[in-house]
Structures are given as C-alpha cells and as structure tokens.
Amino acid sequence: MITLKIKENIYLLDSTAGSYAYLIAGEEPILIDTGYPGRSKKIIEEIIRLGINPRDIAHILLTHHDVDHIGNAKALQLATGARLWASKEDLPYIQGERNREGIKRIVQAIIRVDNPRVDSTFTKGQKIGSVEIIPTPGHTPGHVSFLYEDVLFVGDLVRTNKGKLKRFPSFSTWNKVISDISLQQIKSFNFEWICPAHGEPVRGRDLWKAL
C-alpha cells in the first residue's frame, strides 16, 4: 500500500481505492469521505503509518450520501472521536431515514452500510478549520465540495480518466440540470489541484473548461 502525497499535508488514502478518501494533516487533521464499507481498519492503519494518531482526527467531512462515501463513517467516527459533518439535504439518506432513489436504491440493498449519526450540518460559505464548504448539488440533493488552499475535493461532482475530467452518467445523477449549474459555479473559485473520489487527482484549473 502506497499513500499518495498530493502536496504538503494532503494525502490520498490508498486503502480507499475505488472511491477515494483524502486526509488533510496538520494541527487539526480532517478526513474527507470514508470509502466503501469494511475498510475502517485499513484506513486507520494507513493514517497511523503517516505518523498521525487517529484520535487527533478532528473532523470527518462527507461530500454526499452514496454508500461508497459513507461506508466507514460510523466506524471511523467511533475510532477517532471526530465530529462527523454532512449536508442537511443528504442527512436522511446518510442516517438511514430515507431510501435512495433509482439505481442507488438497488446499490444500497446490495452494499450494506452501518449508518452513522451526523454531528453537524454544513452551511453555505462556512469554513471548518481552513476548509471552505462549497455546495455543489446535482449528483445528490446535498452534494458538497471542499476547497483547501489550492486543492479542490470534488467527491462525485466529476471523475477523472486519463488526466481528463468527466461528468457522471445521468443514471447516477439525481438532477443533471442542477449538476450542470454546480459545474459552472465552480469556475469562479481558484484552485490548482482537483481531487475526485473516482479517478486520480489531476492538476490544472483549465481542465474545467472542457466540461
């Protein structure tokens, strides 16, 4: 297992391959997303290998409610003592109070998740530590992205393939029109790195122009 260091204090966790989670180290470590269920032990081991005490993780930020993003949220919440954050729109899906729709309802029946209890919900323009919260609904009703310095964590707003940005197919998107609006709004932010859950991180803000 080789952890990818994107830049100082920012890591892609190899233990979450298939739906990447990211770690922002520093004085107040932050975990972004938690990957497919059943990987909490490997995630904790990887965090320790990076020289970080899991109990020092201050926050876990969820981009959205898909099972491959919340899969280890409860276990990691318990293991680290971190505060778990999510959008209020996605909250009922995350906590198992509402069934997902379309193909995602089938996925949730196949991939079982131990639903966490969210501690706090995001507000527009909020900052958690040095991480700016950017609402980017469309893939799900409450999908959010996060901006830390010049690194944009996009969850499932886009994916990457061979160094290019790609949209998600309509069948996995809650509302394509709203998603398109979110894609356009991101252009007003300054960033250099784009870190998706699916595909490798890429560098270059100009890549957004092709969407």
Protein backbone atom coordinates (compact mmCIF):
# COMPACT_ATOMS: atom_id res chain seq x y z
CA MET A 1 0.00 0.00 0.00
CA ILE A 2 1.47 3.33 -1.08
CA THR A 3 -0.13 6.54 0.15
CA LEU A 4 -0.14 9.29 -2.49
CA LYS A 5 1.09 12.64 -1.21
CA ILE A 6 -0.58 15.32 -3.33
CA LYS A 7 1.22 18.20 -1.65
CA GLU A 8 2.33 19.08 1.86
CA ASN A 9 -0.15 17.69 4.41
CA ILE A 10 -2.59 16.35 1.78
CA TYR A 11 -2.86 12.64 1.10
CA LEU A 12 -4.95 10.27 -0.99
CA LEU A 13 -5.60 7.15 1.10
CA ASP A 14 -4.75 4.05 -0.91
CA SER A 15 -6.82 1.94 1.50
CA THR A 16 -9.93 3.50 -0.07
CA ALA A 17 -9.10 2.65 -3.71
CA GLY A 18 -12.28 2.51 -5.80
CA SER A 19 -13.80 5.50 -4.04
CA TYR A 20 -11.01 7.61 -2.63
CA ALA A 21 -10.96 9.35 0.71
CA TYR A 22 -8.44 12.08 1.46
CA LEU A 23 -6.60 13.21 4.56
CA ILE A 24 -5.62 16.78 5.34
CA ALA A 25 -2.94 16.60 8.03
CA GLY A 26 -1.73 19.47 10.17
CA GLU A 27 -2.76 20.91 13.52
CA GLU A 28 -6.39 19.85 13.04
CA PRO A 29 -6.43 16.75 10.78
CA ILE A 30 -9.50 16.34 8.59
CA LEU A 31 -10.74 13.25 6.74
CA ILE A 32 -12.77 13.75 3.57
CA ASP A 33 -15.16 10.85 2.83
CA THR A 34 -14.68 7.30 4.11
CA GLY A 35 -14.85 4.89 1.15
CA TYR A 36 -16.60 1.56 0.71
CA PRO A 37 -17.72 -0.24 3.90
CA GLY A 38 -15.46 -2.74 5.59
CA ARG A 39 -12.22 -0.78 5.26
CA SER A 40 -12.06 1.15 8.53
CA LYS A 41 -9.23 -0.97 9.97
CA LYS A 42 -7.05 -0.46 6.88
CA ILE A 43 -7.84 3.27 6.86
CA ILE A 44 -6.78 3.59 10.49
CA GLU A 45 -3.59 1.63 9.79
CA GLU A 46 -2.74 3.93 6.89
CA ILE A 47 -3.34 7.03 8.99
CA ILE A 48 -1.01 5.66 11.67
CA ARG A 49 1.67 4.94 9.05
CA LEU A 50 1.52 8.61 8.13
CA GLY A 51 2.51 9.41 11.70
CA ILE A 52 -0.89 10.63 12.80
CA ASN A 53 -2.71 9.45 15.91
CA PRO A 54 -6.27 8.57 14.79
CA ARG A 55 -7.63 10.24 17.92
CA ASP A 56 -6.19 13.51 16.58
CA ILE A 57 -8.57 13.49 13.60
CA ALA A 58 -10.82 16.44 14.37
CA HIS A 59 -13.42 16.26 11.60
CA ILE A 60 -14.83 13.86 9.03
CA LEU A 61 -16.45 15.67 6.11
CA LEU A 62 -18.83 13.79 3.81
CA THR A 63 -19.30 15.05 0.26
CA HIS A 64 -22.61 13.17 -0.15
CA HIS A 65 -24.72 10.20 0.85
CA ASP A 66 -23.59 7.45 -1.58
CA VAL A 67 -22.68 4.19 0.16
CA ASP A 68 -19.10 4.26 -1.16
CA HIS A 69 -18.55 7.58 0.59
CA ILE A 70 -20.21 6.94 3.95
CA GLY A 71 -19.19 3.28 4.17
CA ASN A 72 -16.83 3.62 7.15
CA ALA A 73 -18.18 6.82 8.64
CA LYS A 74 -19.63 5.26 11.78
CA ALA A 75 -16.61 3.07 12.49
CA LEU A 76 -14.17 5.92 11.92
CA GLN A 77 -16.30 8.30 13.95
CA LEU A 78 -16.07 5.87 16.88
CA ALA A 79 -12.36 5.11 16.37
CA THR A 80 -11.25 8.74 16.10
CA GLY A 81 -13.79 10.69 18.14
CA ALA A 82 -14.01 13.11 15.20
CA ARG A 83 -17.02 15.30 14.51
CA LEU A 84 -18.98 13.99 11.52
CA TRP A 85 -20.29 16.59 9.06
CA ALA A 86 -22.72 16.36 6.13
CA SER A 87 -25.28 18.45 4.28
CA LYS A 88 -28.79 18.68 5.68
CA GLU A 89 -30.22 17.64 2.30
CA ASP A 90 -28.33 14.33 2.34
CA LEU A 91 -28.72 13.77 6.08
CA PRO A 92 -31.78 11.44 5.97
CA TYR A 93 -30.07 9.15 3.45
CA ILE A 94 -26.85 9.04 5.45
CA GLN A 95 -28.67 8.20 8.66
CA GLY A 96 -30.88 5.55 7.04
CA GLU A 97 -34.07 7.53 7.50
CA ARG A 98 -34.86 7.67 3.77
CA ASN A 99 -34.24 5.26 0.90
CA ARG A 100 -32.16 6.38 -2.04
CA GLU A 101 -33.80 6.60 -5.46
CA GLY A 102 -33.27 4.83 -8.79
CA ILE A 103 -30.18 2.68 -9.20
CA LYS A 104 -28.84 3.91 -5.87
CA ARG A 105 -31.71 2.17 -4.10
CA ILE A 106 -30.54 -1.10 -5.63
CA VAL A 107 -26.95 -0.36 -4.64
CA GLN A 108 -27.90 0.32 -1.01
CA ALA A 109 -29.67 -3.05 -0.90
CA ILE A 110 -26.54 -4.82 -2.13
CA ILE A 111 -23.88 -2.83 -0.26
CA ARG A 112 -24.96 -2.60 3.36
CA VAL A 113 -23.76 0.33 5.46
CA ASP A 114 -23.74 0.79 9.20
CA ASN A 115 -25.46 4.18 9.18
CA PRO A 116 -23.73 6.87 11.26
CA ARG A 117 -25.31 9.72 13.19
CA VAL A 118 -24.18 13.06 11.83
CA ASP A 119 -22.98 15.55 14.45
CA SER A 120 -23.25 18.78 12.44
CA THR A 121 -24.53 20.03 9.08
CA PHE A 122 -22.83 22.44 6.70
CA THR A 123 -23.87 25.99 5.95
CA LYS A 124 -23.02 27.84 2.75
CA GLY A 125 -19.74 29.72 2.92
CA GLN A 126 -18.77 28.03 6.17
CA LYS A 127 -15.19 27.11 6.96
CA ILE A 128 -14.16 24.11 9.01
CA GLY A 129 -10.62 24.80 10.01
CA SER A 130 -9.16 26.09 6.74
CA VAL A 131 -11.55 24.08 4.57
CA GLU A 132 -14.19 26.06 2.69
CA ILE A 133 -17.57 24.41 2.15
CA ILE A 134 -18.93 24.75 -1.41
CA PRO A 135 -22.47 23.45 -2.10
CA THR A 136 -22.42 21.53 -5.40
CA PRO A 137 -25.78 19.74 -5.58
CA GLY A 138 -26.79 17.63 -8.53
CA HIS A 139 -25.17 14.23 -8.11
CA THR A 140 -27.20 14.09 -4.89
CA PRO A 141 -29.51 16.76 -3.40
CA GLY A 142 -26.87 17.88 -0.91
CA HIS A 143 -23.57 17.12 -2.59
CA VAL A 144 -20.79 19.45 -1.43
CA SER A 145 -17.19 20.08 -2.48
CA PHE A 146 -14.34 21.33 -0.31
CA LEU A 147 -11.59 23.84 -1.02
CA TYR A 148 -8.38 23.76 0.99
CA GLU A 149 -5.70 26.20 -0.16
CA ASP A 150 -5.44 25.42 -3.90
CA VAL A 151 -6.85 21.89 -3.66
CA LEU A 152 -10.47 21.19 -4.61
CA PHE A 153 -12.02 17.98 -3.29
CA VAL A 154 -14.94 17.24 -5.61
CA GLY A 155 -16.43 13.96 -4.41
CA ASP A 156 -18.62 12.81 -7.30
CA LEU A 157 -19.10 16.21 -8.92
CA VAL A 158 -16.70 14.94 -11.59
CA ARG A 159 -14.45 11.94 -12.12
CA THR A 160 -11.14 11.68 -13.96
CA ASN A 161 -9.97 9.40 -16.73
CA LYS A 162 -6.53 9.55 -18.37
CA GLY A 163 -5.88 13.01 -16.98
CA LYS A 164 -9.20 14.49 -18.11
CA LEU A 165 -12.34 15.47 -16.24
CA LYS A 166 -15.52 13.55 -16.98
CA ARG A 167 -19.13 14.04 -15.96
CA PHE A 168 -21.02 11.25 -14.23
CA PRO A 169 -23.68 9.47 -16.32
CA SER A 170 -27.28 10.61 -15.97
CA PHE A 171 -28.47 7.36 -14.39
CA SER A 172 -26.26 8.01 -11.34
CA THR A 173 -27.11 11.71 -11.11
CA TRP A 174 -30.04 12.96 -9.04
CA ASN A 175 -30.60 16.09 -11.14
CA LYS A 176 -28.50 16.75 -14.25
CA VAL A 177 -29.64 20.36 -14.69
CA ILE A 178 -28.66 21.25 -11.12
CA SER A 179 -25.40 19.35 -11.52
CA ASP A 180 -24.56 21.39 -14.63
CA ILE A 181 -25.16 24.60 -12.67
CA SER A 182 -22.80 23.39 -9.94
CA LEU A 183 -20.14 22.59 -12.54
CA GLN A 184 -20.36 26.12 -13.89
CA GLN A 185 -20.28 27.75 -10.46
CA ILE A 186 -17.04 26.00 -9.57
CA LYS A 187 -15.31 28.03 -12.29
CA SER A 188 -15.47 31.10 -10.06
CA PHE A 189 -13.15 29.51 -7.48
CA ASN A 190 -9.36 29.50 -7.57
CA PHE A 191 -7.72 26.09 -7.37
CA GLU A 192 -4.91 24.10 -8.94
CA TRP A 193 -5.50 20.50 -7.86
CA ILE A 194 -8.73 18.56 -8.47
CA CYS A 195 -9.21 15.54 -6.22
CA PRO A 196 -12.11 13.24 -7.14
CA ALA A 197 -13.36 10.08 -5.47
CA HIS A 198 -13.20 8.19 -8.75
CA GLY A 199 -10.02 8.52 -10.78
CA GLU A 200 -6.67 10.03 -9.92
CA PRO A 201 -6.10 13.63 -8.77
CA VAL A 202 -5.23 15.97 -11.62
CA ARG A 203 -3.52 19.34 -11.77
CA GLY A 204 -4.74 22.25 -13.85
CA ARG A 205 -7.73 24.51 -13.35
CA ASP A 206 -8.08 24.86 -17.14
CA LEU A 207 -9.28 21.25 -17.31
CA TRP A 208 -12.63 22.53 -16.05
CA LYS A 209 -13.18 24.43 -19.32
CA ALA A 210 -13.73 21.16 -21.21
CA LEU A 211 -16.78 20.20 -19.13
